[in-house]
Protein backbone atom coordinates (compact mmCIF):
# COMPACT_ATOMS: atom_id res chain seq x y z
CA UNK A 1 -6.20 -6.87 -11.73
CA UNK A 2 -6.36 -3.07 -11.94
CA UNK A 3 -9.76 -2.99 -10.18
CA UNK A 4 -8.42 -5.19 -7.42
CA UNK A 5 -5.26 -3.12 -6.92
CA UNK A 6 -7.31 0.11 -6.97
CA UNK A 7 -9.67 -1.30 -4.34
CA UNK A 8 -6.76 -2.42 -2.16
CA UNK A 9 -5.05 0.95 -2.54
CA UNK A 10 -8.23 2.86 -1.59
CA UNK A 11 -8.74 0.58 1.41
CA UNK A 12 -5.06 1.06 2.33
CA UNK A 13 -4.50 -2.68 2.23
CA UNK A 14 -1.17 -4.17 1.12
CA UNK A 15 -1.26 -6.34 -1.98
CA UNK A 16 1.12 -8.58 -3.87
CA UNK A 17 0.89 -10.95 -6.80
CA UNK A 18 2.22 -14.40 -7.61
CA UNK A 19 4.23 -15.27 -10.72
CA UNK A 20 2.40 -16.01 -13.95
CA UNK A 21 1.35 -19.57 -14.69
CA UNK A 22 3.73 -19.66 -17.67
CA UNK A 23 6.68 -18.66 -15.40
CA UNK A 24 5.75 -21.46 -12.98
CA UNK A 25 5.43 -24.04 -15.79
CA UNK A 26 8.82 -23.02 -17.26
CA UNK A 27 10.33 -23.43 -13.79
CA UNK A 28 11.38 -19.78 -13.60
CA UNK A 29 9.28 -19.18 -10.47
CA UNK A 30 7.18 -21.03 -7.95
CA UNK A 31 3.75 -20.29 -6.47
CA UNK A 32 5.26 -19.19 -3.14
CA UNK A 33 7.18 -16.25 -4.64
CA UNK A 34 5.01 -13.24 -3.88
CA UNK A 35 6.11 -9.92 -5.39
CA UNK A 36 4.99 -6.34 -5.76
CA UNK A 37 2.45 -5.66 -8.52
CA UNK A 38 4.26 -4.01 -11.43
CA UNK A 39 3.08 -1.81 -14.26
CA UNK A 40 3.66 -4.71 -16.65
CA UNK A 41 1.21 -6.82 -14.60
CA UNK A 42 -1.48 -4.23 -15.16
CA UNK A 43 -0.65 -3.60 -18.81
CA UNK A 44 -0.07 -7.18 -19.85
CA UNK A 45 2.91 -5.96 -21.94
CA UNK A 46 6.15 -4.04 -21.67
CA UNK A 47 5.56 -0.32 -21.03
CA UNK A 48 6.26 2.15 -23.84
CA UNK A 49 8.70 4.95 -23.08
CA UNK A 50 7.30 8.36 -24.02
CA UNK A 51 9.28 11.55 -24.52
CA UNK A 52 7.24 13.75 -22.17
CA UNK A 53 9.03 16.95 -23.25
CA UNK A 54 7.78 16.38 -26.81
CA UNK A 55 4.28 15.84 -25.42
CA UNK A 56 4.55 19.12 -23.49
CA UNK A 57 5.60 21.00 -26.64
CA UNK A 58 2.61 19.59 -28.55
CA UNK A 59 0.07 20.51 -25.85
CA UNK A 60 1.22 23.72 -24.16
CA UNK A 61 -0.73 26.74 -25.36
CA UNK A 62 -2.95 24.80 -27.76
CA UNK A 63 -6.58 23.78 -27.77
CA UNK A 64 -6.73 20.06 -27.06
CA UNK A 65 -9.89 18.08 -27.79
CA UNK A 66 -10.42 14.72 -26.10
CA UNK A 67 -13.20 12.59 -27.54
CA UNK A 68 -14.67 9.94 -25.29
CA UNK A 69 -13.53 12.18 -22.44
CA UNK A 70 -15.87 10.68 -19.84
CA UNK A 71 -14.59 7.14 -20.36
CA UNK A 72 -11.82 5.55 -18.31
CA UNK A 73 -9.03 6.28 -20.81
CA UNK A 74 -10.41 9.66 -21.91
CA UNK A 75 -10.81 10.94 -18.36
CA UNK A 76 -7.24 9.90 -17.48
CA UNK A 77 -5.99 11.69 -20.59
CA UNK A 78 -7.87 14.82 -19.50
CA UNK A 79 -6.30 14.69 -16.02
CA UNK A 80 -2.82 14.36 -17.52
CA UNK A 81 -3.30 16.94 -20.29
CA UNK A 82 -4.35 19.61 -17.78
CA UNK A 83 -0.84 19.47 -16.27
CA UNK A 84 0.66 20.54 -19.60
CA UNK A 85 -1.15 23.92 -19.63
CA UNK A 86 -3.13 23.78 -22.85
CA UNK A 87 -4.77 27.03 -23.95
CA UNK A 88 -8.00 25.11 -23.53
CA UNK A 89 -9.01 21.51 -22.91
CA UNK A 90 -12.24 20.52 -24.65
CA UNK A 91 -13.85 17.38 -23.24
CA UNK A 92 -16.31 15.74 -25.66
CA UNK A 93 -18.49 12.76 -24.89
CA UNK A 94 -21.93 11.40 -25.69
CA UNK A 95 -22.66 10.95 -22.00
CA UNK A 96 -23.93 14.06 -20.27
CA UNK A 97 -23.81 12.25 -16.93
CA UNK A 98 -20.26 11.09 -17.59
CA UNK A 99 -19.20 14.65 -18.42
CA UNK A 100 -20.84 15.88 -15.21
CA UNK A 101 -18.72 13.49 -13.12
CA UNK A 102 -15.61 14.32 -15.17
CA UNK A 103 -16.19 18.01 -14.47
CA UNK A 104 -16.39 17.32 -10.74
CA UNK A 105 -13.14 15.37 -10.91
CA UNK A 106 -11.28 17.91 -13.06
CA UNK A 107 -12.36 20.79 -10.84
CA UNK A 108 -9.95 19.34 -8.27
CA UNK A 109 -7.05 19.12 -10.78
CA UNK A 110 -7.57 21.97 -13.17
CA UNK A 111 -5.46 24.71 -11.60
CA UNK A 112 -5.96 27.70 -13.94
CA UNK A 113 -6.65 25.68 -17.08
CA UNK A 114 -9.55 26.64 -19.33
CA UNK A 115 -11.76 23.56 -19.63
CA UNK A 116 -14.91 23.17 -21.69
CA UNK A 117 -17.35 20.25 -21.63
CA UNK A 118 -19.55 19.45 -24.60
CA UNK A 119 -21.99 16.65 -25.32
CA UNK A 120 -21.35 15.44 -28.85
CA UNK A 121 -21.26 12.35 -31.02
CA UNK A 122 -18.06 12.32 -33.09
CA UNK A 123 -19.98 10.72 -35.97
CA UNK A 124 -22.14 13.86 -36.22
CA UNK A 125 -19.99 15.83 -38.66
CA UNK A 126 -22.09 18.97 -38.50
CA UNK A 127 -21.92 19.13 -34.69
CA UNK A 128 -18.14 18.53 -34.70
CA UNK A 129 -17.55 21.23 -37.36
CA UNK A 130 -19.62 23.64 -35.25
CA UNK A 131 -17.61 22.83 -32.11
CA UNK A 132 -14.28 23.25 -33.92
CA UNK A 133 -15.35 26.66 -35.20
CA UNK A 134 -16.60 27.60 -31.70
CA UNK A 135 -13.26 26.82 -30.11
CA UNK A 136 -11.23 28.49 -32.83
CA UNK A 137 -13.16 31.69 -32.08
CA UNK A 138 -12.54 31.20 -28.36
CA UNK A 139 -8.82 30.82 -28.95
CA UNK A 140 -8.65 33.98 -31.05
CA UNK A 141 -9.79 35.94 -27.98
CA UNK A 142 -7.36 34.13 -25.69
CA UNK A 143 -4.18 34.33 -27.79
CA UNK A 144 -2.77 36.35 -30.67
CA UNK A 145 -4.12 35.20 -34.03
CA UNK A 146 -0.73 33.74 -35.00
CA UNK A 147 -1.19 31.10 -32.26
CA UNK A 148 -4.50 29.83 -33.62
CA UNK A 149 -4.84 26.21 -34.56
CA UNK A 150 -4.96 25.67 -38.33
């Protein structure tokens, strides 16, 4: 459903949905009752309420690493995290091509955020340890030592 609604939105076409089959069977709705597509339709569950101020406090001024950054969920996380002014956003993925396209996308959203892109496999412990040490050193030049990540 999300692909269809995205395609309709990009094409600037209106779209609606019909009630679920279970609502029709229970007699709560009928097939002729068109309605706007809701978040619950796309999620398939009730949405979770998130305290965004707590999220901001956790992200602002810190190095944030997103693994699987070039995937659909990871790339959306990156776009949202950038708005919370991390000290640096580190985008990790196995796909060099995926990271290339993510970089193009984030260049439009990044404002003044420091963003780094690295090809890495999270199961490669040595590579991940190296990257963590690399970004700790980066942070020590960007912020006072007391702000460094543990």
